[in-house]
């Protein structure tokens, strides 16, 4: 399957997309970095290596990029073979992945899977 067949979709909560809202809150330079990472994700899919992405457990991965605010993280998971679902975005200010951020992503993943 070519990377053109891969789809990046945003988790929707009610009528909102928390990840899209988070990305819109970033400055234009950080938004450009985000879209560059998404293109890499489409190309390399589940083989996208560090420092671009990392498996964080519970079937979740994180896209990484650095901003003035700190380390930007977008948590996502793969759905079937051709979808990556972006479920949560945040600024990481510590070495380890904050458990409350991961729990929110796990909850959103569960919600998505129950409804699809």
PDB file of N, CA and C in Angstrom:
ATOM      1  N   UNK A   1       0.845  -1.172   0.000  1.00  0.00           N
ATOM      2  CA  UNK A   1       0.000   0.000   0.000  1.00  0.00           C
ATOM      3  C   UNK A   1       0.896   1.242   0.000  1.00  0.00           C
ATOM      4  N   UNK A   2       0.661   2.172  -0.914  1.00  0.00           N
ATOM      5  CA  UNK A   2       1.487   3.375  -0.984  1.00  0.00           C
ATOM      6  C   UNK A   2       1.092   4.355   0.108  1.00  0.00           C
ATOM      7  N   UNK A   3       1.993   5.305   0.365  1.00  0.00           N
ATOM      8  CA  UNK A   3       1.680   6.251   1.429  1.00  0.00           C
ATOM      9  C   UNK A   3       0.528   7.172   1.051  1.00  0.00           C
ATOM     10  N   UNK A   4       0.181   7.265  -0.240  1.00  0.00           N
ATOM     11  CA  UNK A   4      -0.987   8.054  -0.636  1.00  0.00           C
ATOM     12  C   UNK A   4      -2.280   7.414  -0.133  1.00  0.00           C
ATOM     13  N   UNK A   5      -2.245   6.097   0.118  1.00  0.00           N
ATOM     14  CA  UNK A   5      -3.429   5.395   0.612  1.00  0.00           C
ATOM     15  C   UNK A   5      -3.597   5.546   2.118  1.00  0.00           C
ATOM     16  N   UNK A   6      -2.572   6.020   2.785  1.00  0.00           N
ATOM     17  CA  UNK A   6      -2.620   6.173   4.242  1.00  0.00           C
ATOM     18  C   UNK A   6      -3.422   7.428   4.579  1.00  0.00           C
ATOM     19  N   UNK A   7      -4.201   7.333   5.632  1.00  0.00           N
ATOM     20  CA  UNK A   7      -5.037   8.459   6.036  1.00  0.00           C
ATOM     21  C   UNK A   7      -4.735   8.832   7.483  1.00  0.00           C
ATOM     22  N   UNK A   8      -4.564  10.108   7.699  1.00  0.00           N
ATOM     23  CA  UNK A   8      -4.398  10.648   9.046  1.00  0.00           C
ATOM     24  C   UNK A   8      -5.731  11.292   9.399  1.00  0.00           C
ATOM     25  N   UNK A   9      -6.339  10.830  10.472  1.00  0.00           N
ATOM     26  CA  UNK A   9      -7.618  11.407  10.872  1.00  0.00           C
ATOM     27  C   UNK A   9      -7.530  11.899  12.315  1.00  0.00           C
ATOM     28  N   UNK A  10      -8.398  12.831  12.621  1.00  0.00           N
ATOM     29  CA  UNK A  10      -8.427  13.432  13.950  1.00  0.00           C
ATOM     30  C   UNK A  10      -9.579  12.841  14.755  1.00  0.00           C
ATOM     31  N   UNK A  11      -9.294  12.537  15.996  1.00  0.00           N
ATOM     32  CA  UNK A  11     -10.331  12.116  16.927  1.00  0.00           C
ATOM     33  C   UNK A  11     -11.307  13.279  17.095  1.00  0.00           C
ATOM     34  N   UNK A  12     -12.594  12.967  17.040  1.00  0.00           N
ATOM     35  CA  UNK A  12     -13.650  13.967  17.220  1.00  0.00           C
ATOM     36  C   UNK A  12     -14.364  13.675  18.525  1.00  0.00           C
ATOM     37  N   UNK A  13     -14.517  14.719  19.327  1.00  0.00           N
ATOM     38  CA  UNK A  13     -15.199  14.604  20.615  1.00  0.00           C
ATOM     39  C   UNK A  13     -16.389  15.545  20.558  1.00  0.00           C
ATOM     40  N   UNK A  14     -17.590  14.974  20.407  1.00  0.00           N
ATOM     41  CA  UNK A  14     -18.759  15.818  20.178  1.00  0.00           C
ATOM     42  C   UNK A  14     -18.615  16.463  18.816  1.00  0.00           C
ATOM     43  N   UNK A  15     -18.546  17.776  18.795  1.00  0.00           N
ATOM     44  CA  UNK A  15     -18.330  18.485  17.533  1.00  0.00           C
ATOM     45  C   UNK A  15     -16.944  19.118  17.481  1.00  0.00           C
ATOM     46  N   UNK A  16     -16.068  18.744  18.405  1.00  0.00           N
ATOM     47  CA  UNK A  16     -14.726  19.308  18.491  1.00  0.00           C
ATOM     48  C   UNK A  16     -13.668  18.286  18.095  1.00  0.00           C
ATOM     49  N   UNK A  17     -12.565  18.809  17.649  1.00  0.00           N
ATOM     50  CA  UNK A  17     -11.383  17.988  17.420  1.00  0.00           C
ATOM     51  C   UNK A  17     -10.270  18.545  18.303  1.00  0.00           C
ATOM     52  N   UNK A  18     -10.045  17.916  19.465  1.00  0.00           N
ATOM     53  CA  UNK A  18      -9.036  18.449  20.392  1.00  0.00           C
ATOM     54  C   UNK A  18      -7.643  18.611  19.786  1.00  0.00           C
ATOM     55  N   UNK A  19      -7.233  17.704  18.919  1.00  0.00           N
ATOM     56  CA  UNK A  19      -5.890  17.819  18.326  1.00  0.00           C
ATOM     57  C   UNK A  19      -5.840  18.989  17.350  1.00  0.00           C
ATOM     58  N   UNK A  20      -6.865  19.144  16.527  1.00  0.00           N
ATOM     59  CA  UNK A  20      -6.878  20.285  15.609  1.00  0.00           C
ATOM     60  C   UNK A  20      -6.868  21.600  16.384  1.00  0.00           C
ATOM     61  N   UNK A  21      -7.629  21.663  17.473  1.00  0.00           N
ATOM     62  CA  UNK A  21      -7.638  22.867  18.301  1.00  0.00           C
ATOM     63  C   UNK A  21      -6.241  23.133  18.873  1.00  0.00           C
ATOM     64  N   UNK A  22      -5.579  22.075  19.328  1.00  0.00           N
ATOM     65  CA  UNK A  22      -4.230  22.220  19.865  1.00  0.00           C
ATOM     66  C   UNK A  22      -3.277  22.729  18.783  1.00  0.00           C
ATOM     67  N   UNK A  23      -3.326  22.150  17.593  1.00  0.00           N
ATOM     68  CA  UNK A  23      -2.441  22.557  16.499  1.00  0.00           C
ATOM     69  C   UNK A  23      -2.707  24.014  16.124  1.00  0.00           C
ATOM     70  N   UNK A  24      -3.976  24.414  16.075  1.00  0.00           N
ATOM     71  CA  UNK A  24      -4.297  25.810  15.756  1.00  0.00           C
ATOM     72  C   UNK A  24      -3.773  26.770  16.817  1.00  0.00           C
ATOM     73  N   UNK A  25      -3.596  26.290  18.054  1.00  0.00           N
ATOM     74  CA  UNK A  25      -3.100  27.155  19.128  1.00  0.00           C
ATOM     75  C   UNK A  25      -1.595  27.406  19.021  1.00  0.00           C
ATOM     76  N   UNK A  26      -0.901  26.614  18.218  1.00  0.00           N
ATOM     77  CA  UNK A  26       0.550  26.763  18.047  1.00  0.00           C
ATOM     78  C   UNK A  26       0.852  27.869  17.042  1.00  0.00           C
ATOM     79  N   UNK A  27       2.041  28.420  17.118  1.00  0.00           N
ATOM     80  CA  UNK A  27       2.399  29.446  16.130  1.00  0.00           C
ATOM     81  C   UNK A  27       2.620  28.779  14.760  1.00  0.00           C
ATOM     82  N   UNK A  28       2.675  29.619  13.735  1.00  0.00           N
ATOM     83  CA  UNK A  28       2.740  29.117  12.349  1.00  0.00           C
ATOM     84  C   UNK A  28       3.946  28.193  12.135  1.00  0.00           C
ATOM     85  N   UNK A  29       5.078  28.516  12.719  1.00  0.00           N
ATOM     86  CA  UNK A  29       6.281  27.683  12.545  1.00  0.00           C
ATOM     87  C   UNK A  29       6.067  26.281  13.121  1.00  0.00           C
ATOM     88  N   UNK A  30       5.445  26.217  14.292  1.00  0.00           N
ATOM     89  CA  UNK A  30       5.181  24.916  14.914  1.00  0.00           C
ATOM     90  C   UNK A  30       4.129  24.148  14.113  1.00  0.00           C
ATOM     91  N   UNK A  31       3.154  24.853  13.566  1.00  0.00           N
ATOM     92  CA  UNK A  31       2.166  24.193  12.713  1.00  0.00           C
ATOM     93  C   UNK A  31       2.840  23.580  11.492  1.00  0.00           C
ATOM     94  N   UNK A  32       3.790  24.296  10.906  1.00  0.00           N
ATOM     95  CA  UNK A  32       4.526  23.760   9.750  1.00  0.00           C
ATOM     96  C   UNK A  32       5.311  22.507  10.145  1.00  0.00           C
ATOM     97  N   UNK A  33       5.932  22.532  11.329  1.00  0.00           N
ATOM     98  CA  UNK A  33       6.647  21.340  11.803  1.00  0.00           C
ATOM     99  C   UNK A  33       5.684  20.172  11.959  1.00  0.00           C
ATOM    100  N   UNK A  34       4.501  20.451  12.510  1.00  0.00           N
ATOM    101  CA  UNK A  34       3.494  19.403  12.675  1.00  0.00           C
ATOM    102  C   UNK A  34       3.155  18.776  11.327  1.00  0.00           C
ATOM    103  N   UNK A  35       2.848  19.604  10.333  1.00  0.00           N
ATOM    104  CA  UNK A  35       2.454  19.057   9.034  1.00  0.00           C
ATOM    105  C   UNK A  35       3.608  18.313   8.353  1.00  0.00           C
ATOM    106  N   UNK A  36       4.840  18.731   8.606  1.00  0.00           N
ATOM    107  CA  UNK A  36       6.000  17.987   8.089  1.00  0.00           C
ATOM    108  C   UNK A  36       6.077  16.607   8.739  1.00  0.00           C
ATOM    109  N   UNK A  37       5.831  16.540  10.035  1.00  0.00           N
ATOM    110  CA  UNK A  37       5.847  15.244  10.738  1.00  0.00           C
ATOM    111  C   UNK A  37       4.725  14.349  10.231  1.00  0.00           C
ATOM    112  N   UNK A  38       3.571  14.923   9.962  1.00  0.00           N
ATOM    113  CA  UNK A  38       2.456  14.130   9.435  1.00  0.00           C
ATOM    114  C   UNK A  38       2.828  13.536   8.079  1.00  0.00           C
ATOM    115  N   UNK A  39       3.521  14.307   7.248  1.00  0.00           N
ATOM    116  CA  UNK A  39       3.957  13.773   5.950  1.00  0.00           C
ATOM    117  C   UNK A  39       4.944  12.624   6.138  1.00  0.00           C
ATOM    118  N   UNK A  40       5.852  12.761   7.102  1.00  0.00           N
ATOM    119  CA  UNK A  40       6.768  11.652   7.405  1.00  0.00           C
ATOM    120  C   UNK A  40       5.999  10.433   7.896  1.00  0.00           C
ATOM    121  N   UNK A  41       4.997  10.660   8.723  1.00  0.00           N
ATOM    122  CA  UNK A  41       4.179   9.551   9.217  1.00  0.00           C
ATOM    123  C   UNK A  41       3.483   8.847   8.055  1.00  0.00           C
ATOM    124  N   UNK A  42       2.934   9.590   7.128  1.00  0.00           N
ATOM    125  CA  UNK A  42       2.288   8.979   5.952  1.00  0.00           C
ATOM    126  C   UNK A  42       3.282   8.139   5.155  1.00  0.00           C
ATOM    127  N   UNK A  43       4.499   8.638   5.033  1.00  0.00           N
ATOM    128  CA  UNK A  43       5.502   7.945   4.234  1.00  0.00           C
ATOM    129  C   UNK A  43       6.035   6.693   4.924  1.00  0.00           C
ATOM    130  N   UNK A  44       6.363   6.791   6.217  1.00  0.00           N
ATOM    131  CA  UNK A  44       7.025   5.688   6.914  1.00  0.00           C
ATOM    132  C   UNK A  44       6.075   4.858   7.783  1.00  0.00           C
ATOM    133  N   UNK A  45       4.891   5.401   8.029  1.00  0.00           N
ATOM    134  CA  UNK A  45       3.819   4.745   8.777  1.00  0.00           C
ATOM    135  C   UNK A  45       4.315   4.208  10.111  1.00  0.00           C
ATOM    136  N   UNK A  46       4.114   2.938  10.380  1.00  0.00           N
ATOM    137  CA  UNK A  46       4.507   2.405  11.694  1.00  0.00           C
ATOM    138  C   UNK A  46       6.012   2.150  11.797  1.00  0.00           C
ATOM    139  N   UNK A  47       6.756   2.492  10.769  1.00  0.00           N
ATOM    140  CA  UNK A  47       8.218   2.362  10.801  1.00  0.00           C
ATOM    141  C   UNK A  47       8.905   3.719  10.987  1.00  0.00           C
ATOM    142  N   UNK A  48       8.138   4.754  11.273  1.00  0.00           N
ATOM    143  CA  UNK A  48       8.733   6.079  11.490  1.00  0.00           C
ATOM    144  C   UNK A  48       9.609   6.026  12.741  1.00  0.00           C
ATOM    145  N   UNK A  49      10.910   6.282  12.585  1.00  0.00           N
ATOM    146  CA  UNK A  49      11.833   6.087  13.719  1.00  0.00           C
ATOM    147  C   UNK A  49      11.932   7.324  14.628  1.00  0.00           C
ATOM    148  N   UNK A  50      12.574   7.098  15.784  1.00  0.00           N
ATOM    149  CA  UNK A  50      12.976   8.226  16.622  1.00  0.00           C
ATOM    150  C   UNK A  50      13.999   9.020  15.811  1.00  0.00           C
ATOM    151  N   UNK A  51      14.081  10.299  15.901  1.00  0.00           N
ATOM    152  CA  UNK A  51      13.435  11.164  16.869  1.00  0.00           C
ATOM    153  C   UNK A  51      12.088  11.709  16.415  1.00  0.00           C
ATOM    154  N   UNK A  52      11.493  11.140  15.391  1.00  0.00           N
ATOM    155  CA  UNK A  52      10.222  11.662  14.886  1.00  0.00           C
ATOM    156  C   UNK A  52       9.026  11.082  15.630  1.00  0.00           C
ATOM    157  N   UNK A  53       9.108   9.818  15.979  1.00  0.00           N
ATOM    158  CA  UNK A  53       7.985   9.135  16.626  1.00  0.00           C
ATOM    159  C   UNK A  53       8.525   8.067  17.563  1.00  0.00           C
ATOM    160  N   UNK A  54       7.656   7.652  18.470  1.00  0.00           N
ATOM    161  CA  UNK A  54       8.061   6.629  19.433  1.00  0.00           C
ATOM    162  C   UNK A  54       6.816   5.890  19.922  1.00  0.00           C
ATOM    163  N   UNK A  55       6.950   4.584  20.101  1.00  0.00           N
ATOM    164  CA  UNK A  55       5.881   3.793  20.713  1.00  0.00           C
ATOM    165  C   UNK A  55       5.905   4.061  22.213  1.00  0.00           C
ATOM    166  N   UNK A  56       4.728   4.359  22.797  1.00  0.00           N
ATOM    167  CA  UNK A  56       4.678   4.689  24.227  1.00  0.00           C
ATOM    168  C   UNK A  56       3.831   3.709  25.033  1.00  0.00           C
ATOM    169  N   UNK A  57       3.419   2.595  24.402  1.00  0.00           N
ATOM    170  CA  UNK A  57       2.619   1.593  25.108  1.00  0.00           C
ATOM    171  C   UNK A  57       1.133   1.802  24.901  1.00  0.00           C
ATOM    172  N   UNK A  58       0.346   0.810  25.307  1.00  0.00           N
ATOM    173  CA  UNK A  58      -1.117   0.857  25.176  1.00  0.00           C
ATOM    174  C   UNK A  58      -1.556   1.131  23.745  1.00  0.00           C
ATOM    175  N   UNK A  59      -0.825   0.599  22.762  1.00  0.00           N
ATOM    176  CA  UNK A  59      -1.107   0.777  21.337  1.00  0.00           C
ATOM    177  C   UNK A  59      -1.029   2.228  20.888  1.00  0.00           C
ATOM    178  N   UNK A  60      -0.322   3.074  21.632  1.00  0.00           N
ATOM    179  CA  UNK A  60      -0.176   4.486  21.302  1.00  0.00           C
ATOM    180  C   UNK A  60       1.255   4.810  20.885  1.00  0.00           C
ATOM    181  N   UNK A  61       1.351   5.775  19.991  1.00  0.00           N
ATOM    182  CA  UNK A  61       2.627   6.317  19.541  1.00  0.00           C
ATOM    183  C   UNK A  61       2.586   7.818  19.763  1.00  0.00           C
ATOM    184  N   UNK A  62       3.768   8.442  19.740  1.00  0.00           N
ATOM    185  CA  UNK A  62       3.788   9.898  19.818  1.00  0.00           C
ATOM    186  C   UNK A  62       4.672  10.462  18.722  1.00  0.00           C
ATOM    187  N   UNK A  63       4.170  11.519  18.062  1.00  0.00           N
ATOM    188  CA  UNK A  63       4.978  12.326  17.153  1.00  0.00           C
ATOM    189  C   UNK A  63       5.677  13.369  18.004  1.00  0.00           C
ATOM    190  N   UNK A  64       6.933  13.647  17.699  1.00  0.00           N
ATOM    191  CA  UNK A  64       7.713  14.627  18.460  1.00  0.00           C
ATOM    192  C   UNK A  64       8.129  15.772  17.568  1.00  0.00           C
ATOM    193  N   UNK A  65       8.095  16.961  18.139  1.00  0.00           N
ATOM    194  CA  UNK A  65       8.816  18.092  17.565  1.00  0.00           C
ATOM    195  C   UNK A  65       8.982  19.148  18.640  1.00  0.00           C
ATOM    196  N   UNK A  66      10.003  19.950  18.476  1.00  0.00           N
ATOM    197  CA  UNK A  66      10.374  20.916  19.514  1.00  0.00           C
ATOM    198  C   UNK A  66       9.864  22.298  19.137  1.00  0.00           C
ATOM    199  N   UNK A  67       9.274  22.955  20.143  1.00  0.00           N
ATOM    200  CA  UNK A  67       8.815  24.324  19.973  1.00  0.00           C
ATOM    201  C   UNK A  67       9.377  25.203  21.063  1.00  0.00           C
ATOM    202  N   UNK A  68       9.130  26.496  20.971  1.00  0.00           N
ATOM    203  CA  UNK A  68       9.584  27.406  22.017  1.00  0.00           C
ATOM    204  C   UNK A  68       8.934  27.058  23.345  1.00  0.00           C
ATOM    205  N   UNK A  69       7.722  26.538  23.282  1.00  0.00           N
ATOM    206  CA  UNK A  69       6.971  26.198  24.490  1.00  0.00           C
ATOM    207  C   UNK A  69       7.538  24.978  25.194  1.00  0.00           C
ATOM    208  N   UNK A  70       8.252  24.143  24.457  1.00  0.00           N
ATOM    209  CA  UNK A  70       8.777  22.885  24.975  1.00  0.00           C
ATOM    210  C   UNK A  70       8.655  21.805  23.915  1.00  0.00           C
ATOM    211  N   UNK A  71       8.669  20.565  24.340  1.00  0.00           N
ATOM    212  CA  UNK A  71       8.531  19.434  23.427  1.00  0.00           C
ATOM    213  C   UNK A  71       7.053  19.238  23.085  1.00  0.00           C
ATOM    214  N   UNK A  72       6.725  19.342  21.817  1.00  0.00           N
ATOM    215  CA  UNK A  72       5.342  19.148  21.371  1.00  0.00           C
ATOM    216  C   UNK A  72       5.148  17.657  21.113  1.00  0.00           C
ATOM    217  N   UNK A  73       4.058  17.118  21.619  1.00  0.00           N
ATOM    218  CA  UNK A  73       3.742  15.700  21.426  1.00  0.00           C
ATOM    219  C   UNK A  73       2.318  15.562  20.908  1.00  0.00           C
ATOM    220  N   UNK A  74       2.177  14.706  19.916  1.00  0.00           N
ATOM    221  CA  UNK A  74       0.861  14.339  19.400  1.00  0.00           C
ATOM    222  C   UNK A  74       0.749  12.828  19.557  1.00  0.00           C
ATOM    223  N   UNK A  75      -0.201  12.363  20.359  1.00  0.00           N
ATOM    224  CA  UNK A  75      -0.392  10.929  20.570  1.00  0.00           C
ATOM    225  C   UNK A  75      -1.389  10.402  19.535  1.00  0.00           C
ATOM    226  N   UNK A  76      -1.090   9.217  19.020  1.00  0.00           N
ATOM    227  CA  UNK A  76      -1.920   8.629  17.967  1.00  0.00           C
ATOM    228  C   UNK A  76      -1.853   7.116  18.040  1.00  0.00           C
ATOM    229  N   UNK A  77      -2.759   6.490  17.296  1.00  0.00           N
ATOM    230  CA  UNK A  77      -2.741   5.030  17.163  1.00  0.00           C
ATOM    231  C   UNK A  77      -3.130   4.675  15.742  1.00  0.00           C
ATOM    232  N   UNK A  78      -2.839   3.437  15.365  1.00  0.00           N
ATOM    233  CA  UNK A  78      -3.195   2.941  14.038  1.00  0.00           C
ATOM    234  C   UNK A  78      -4.512   2.191  14.116  1.00  0.00           C
ATOM    235  N   UNK A  79      -5.358   2.435  13.127  1.00  0.00           N
ATOM    236  CA  UNK A  79      -6.677   1.817  13.042  1.00  0.00           C
ATOM    237  C   UNK A  79      -6.754   1.108  11.698  1.00  0.00           C
ATOM    238  N   UNK A  80      -6.994  -0.189  11.749  1.00  0.00           N
ATOM    239  CA  UNK A  80      -6.903  -1.030  10.557  1.00  0.00           C
ATOM    240  C   UNK A  80      -5.507  -0.837   9.967  1.00  0.00           C
ATOM    241  N   UNK A  81      -5.377  -0.972   8.668  1.00  0.00           N
ATOM    242  CA  UNK A  81      -4.036  -0.858   8.084  1.00  0.00           C
ATOM    243  C   UNK A  81      -3.759   0.520   7.495  1.00  0.00           C
ATOM    244  N   UNK A  82      -4.810   1.308   7.296  1.00  0.00           N
ATOM    245  CA  UNK A  82      -4.596   2.530   6.537  1.00  0.00           C
ATOM    246  C   UNK A  82      -5.008   3.825   7.230  1.00  0.00           C
ATOM    247  N   UNK A  83      -5.216   3.777   8.546  1.00  0.00           N
ATOM    248  CA  UNK A  83      -5.567   4.994   9.278  1.00  0.00           C
ATOM    249  C   UNK A  83      -4.660   5.176  10.489  1.00  0.00           C
ATOM    250  N   UNK A  84      -4.246   6.412  10.697  1.00  0.00           N
ATOM    251  CA  UNK A  84      -3.622   6.809  11.955  1.00  0.00           C
ATOM    252  C   UNK A  84      -4.564   7.848  12.553  1.00  0.00           C
ATOM    253  N   UNK A  85      -4.952   7.630  13.797  1.00  0.00           N
ATOM    254  CA  UNK A  85      -5.907   8.512  14.461  1.00  0.00           C
ATOM    255  C   UNK A  85      -5.157   9.348  15.497  1.00  0.00           C
ATOM    256  N   UNK A  86      -5.174  10.659  15.304  1.00  0.00           N
ATOM    257  CA  UNK A  86      -4.521  11.577  16.228  1.00  0.00           C
ATOM    258  C   UNK A  86      -5.506  11.876  17.352  1.00  0.00           C
ATOM    259  N   UNK A  87      -5.135  11.519  18.587  1.00  0.00           N
ATOM    260  CA  UNK A  87      -6.099  11.616  19.684  1.00  0.00           C
ATOM    261  C   UNK A  87      -5.787  12.694  20.719  1.00  0.00           C
ATOM    262  N   UNK A  88      -4.536  13.135  20.818  1.00  0.00           N
ATOM    263  CA  UNK A  88      -4.215  14.099  21.867  1.00  0.00           C
ATOM    264  C   UNK A  88      -2.927  14.840  21.544  1.00  0.00           C
ATOM    265  N   UNK A  89      -2.913  16.136  21.811  1.00  0.00           N
ATOM    266  CA  UNK A  89      -1.719  16.951  21.637  1.00  0.00           C
ATOM    267  C   UNK A  89      -1.457  17.763  22.888  1.00  0.00           C
ATOM    268  N   UNK A  90      -0.182  17.927  23.219  1.00  0.00           N
ATOM    269  CA  UNK A  90       0.179  18.692  24.412  1.00  0.00           C
ATOM    270  C   UNK A  90       1.645  19.100  24.344  1.00  0.00           C
ATOM    271  N   UNK A  91       2.013  20.012  25.231  1.00  0.00           N
ATOM    272  CA  UNK A  91       3.405  20.422  25.386  1.00  0.00           C
ATOM    273  C   UNK A  91       3.971  19.639  26.560  1.00  0.00           C
ATOM    274  N   UNK A  92       5.009  18.884  26.283  1.00  0.00           N
ATOM    275  CA  UNK A  92       5.645  18.049  27.303  1.00  0.00           C
ATOM    276  C   UNK A  92       6.764  18.849  27.966  1.00  0.00           C
ATOM    277  N   UNK A  93       6.700  18.957  29.284  1.00  0.00           N
ATOM    278  CA  UNK A  93       7.676  19.764  30.009  1.00  0.00           C
ATOM    279  C   UNK A  93       8.566  18.941  30.924  1.00  0.00           C
ATOM    280  N   UNK A  94       8.384  17.611  30.902  1.00  0.00           N
ATOM    281  CA  UNK A  94       9.185  16.727  31.740  1.00  0.00           C
ATOM    282  C   UNK A  94       9.828  15.662  30.860  1.00  0.00           C
ATOM    283  N   UNK A  95      10.798  14.919  31.404  1.00  0.00           N
ATOM    284  CA  UNK A  95      11.454  13.844  30.661  1.00  0.00           C
ATOM    285  C   UNK A  95      10.480  12.741  30.288  1.00  0.00           C
ATOM    286  N   UNK A  96       9.701  12.308  31.265  1.00  0.00           N
ATOM    287  CA  UNK A  96       8.781  11.186  31.046  1.00  0.00           C
ATOM    288  C   UNK A  96       7.448  11.677  30.518  1.00  0.00           C
ATOM    289  N   UNK A  97       6.759  10.781  29.814  1.00  0.00           N
ATOM    290  CA  UNK A  97       5.407  11.078  29.340  1.00  0.00           C
ATOM    291  C   UNK A  97       4.485  11.188  30.557  1.00  0.00           C
ATOM    292  N   UNK A  98       3.861  12.344  30.776  1.00  0.00           N
ATOM    293  CA  UNK A  98       2.956  12.478  31.920  1.00  0.00           C
ATOM    294  C   UNK A  98       1.790  11.482  31.826  1.00  0.00           C
ATOM    295  N   UNK A  99       1.556  10.762  32.911  1.00  0.00           N
ATOM    296  CA  UNK A  99       0.539   9.713  32.898  1.00  0.00           C
ATOM    297  C   UNK A  99      -0.865  10.251  32.646  1.00  0.00           C
ATOM    298  N   UNK A 100      -1.176  11.462  33.116  1.00  0.00           N
ATOM    299  CA  UNK A 100      -2.517  11.999  32.861  1.00  0.00           C
ATOM    300  C   UNK A 100      -2.729  12.281  31.381  1.00  0.00           C
ATOM    301  N   UNK A 101      -1.668  12.688  30.676  1.00  0.00           N
ATOM    302  CA  UNK A 101      -1.768  12.908  29.228  1.00  0.00           C
ATOM    303  C   UNK A 101      -1.996  11.571  28.507  1.00  0.00           C
ATOM    304  N   UNK A 102      -1.260  10.557  28.933  1.00  0.00           N
ATOM    305  CA  UNK A 102      -1.407   9.235  28.313  1.00  0.00           C
ATOM    306  C   UNK A 102      -2.787   8.655  28.614  1.00  0.00           C
ATOM    307  N   UNK A 103      -3.255   8.807  29.855  1.00  0.00           N
ATOM    308  CA  UNK A 103      -4.579   8.277  30.209  1.00  0.00           C
ATOM    309  C   UNK A 103      -5.673   8.906  29.351  1.00  0.00           C
ATOM    310  N   UNK A 104      -5.557  10.204  29.096  1.00  0.00           N
ATOM    311  CA  UNK A 104      -6.545  10.874  28.246  1.00  0.00           C
ATOM    312  C   UNK A 104      -6.512  10.290  26.833  1.00  0.00           C
ATOM    313  N   UNK A 105      -5.319  10.051  26.302  1.00  0.00           N
ATOM    314  CA  UNK A 105      -5.192   9.463  24.964  1.00  0.00           C
ATOM    315  C   UNK A 105      -5.758   8.049  24.933  1.00  0.00           C
ATOM    316  N   UNK A 106      -5.496   7.261  25.970  1.00  0.00           N
ATOM    317  CA  UNK A 106      -6.037   5.893  26.054  1.00  0.00           C
ATOM    318  C   UNK A 106      -7.558   5.941  26.080  1.00  0.00           C
ATOM    319  N   UNK A 107      -8.110   6.868  26.853  1.00  0.00           N
ATOM    320  CA  UNK A 107      -9.567   7.023  26.939  1.00  0.00           C
ATOM    321  C   UNK A 107     -10.160   7.390  25.577  1.00  0.00           C
ATOM    322  N   UNK A 108      -9.521   8.317  24.887  1.00  0.00           N
ATOM    323  CA  UNK A 108     -10.013   8.733  23.564  1.00  0.00           C
ATOM    324  C   UNK A 108      -9.887   7.594  22.557  1.00  0.00           C
ATOM    325  N   UNK A 109      -8.819   6.817  22.626  1.00  0.00           N
ATOM    326  CA  UNK A 109      -8.658   5.667  21.736  1.00  0.00           C
ATOM    327  C   UNK A 109      -9.796   4.671  21.969  1.00  0.00           C
ATOM    328  N   UNK A 110     -10.069   4.386  23.240  1.00  0.00           N
ATOM    329  CA  UNK A 110     -11.146   3.455  23.591  1.00  0.00           C
ATOM    330  C   UNK A 110     -12.490   3.969  23.063  1.00  0.00           C
ATOM    331  N   UNK A 111     -12.744   5.243  23.260  1.00  0.00           N
ATOM    332  CA  UNK A 111     -13.978   5.857  22.774  1.00  0.00           C
ATOM    333  C   UNK A 111     -14.088   5.728  21.251  1.00  0.00           C
ATOM    334  N   UNK A 112     -13.001   6.008  20.554  1.00  0.00           N
ATOM    335  CA  UNK A 112     -12.992   5.899  19.099  1.00  0.00           C
ATOM    336  C   UNK A 112     -13.313   4.466  18.663  1.00  0.00           C
ATOM    337  N   UNK A 113     -12.624   3.504  19.266  1.00  0.00           N
ATOM    338  CA  UNK A 113     -12.815   2.100  18.875  1.00  0.00           C
ATOM    339  C   UNK A 113     -14.223   1.607  19.166  1.00  0.00           C
ATOM    340  N   UNK A 114     -14.821   2.074  20.249  1.00  0.00           N
ATOM    341  CA  UNK A 114     -16.202   1.680  20.576  1.00  0.00           C
ATOM    342  C   UNK A 114     -17.207   2.231  19.573  1.00  0.00           C
ATOM    343  N   UNK A 115     -16.858   3.321  18.915  1.00  0.00           N
ATOM    344  CA  UNK A 115     -17.798   3.979  17.995  1.00  0.00           C
ATOM    345  C   UNK A 115     -17.483   3.744  16.523  1.00  0.00           C
ATOM    346  N   UNK A 116     -16.466   2.947  16.217  1.00  0.00           N
ATOM    347  CA  UNK A 116     -16.112   2.697  14.802  1.00  0.00           C
ATOM    348  C   UNK A 116     -16.008   1.225  14.559  1.00  0.00           C
TER     349      UNK A 116
END
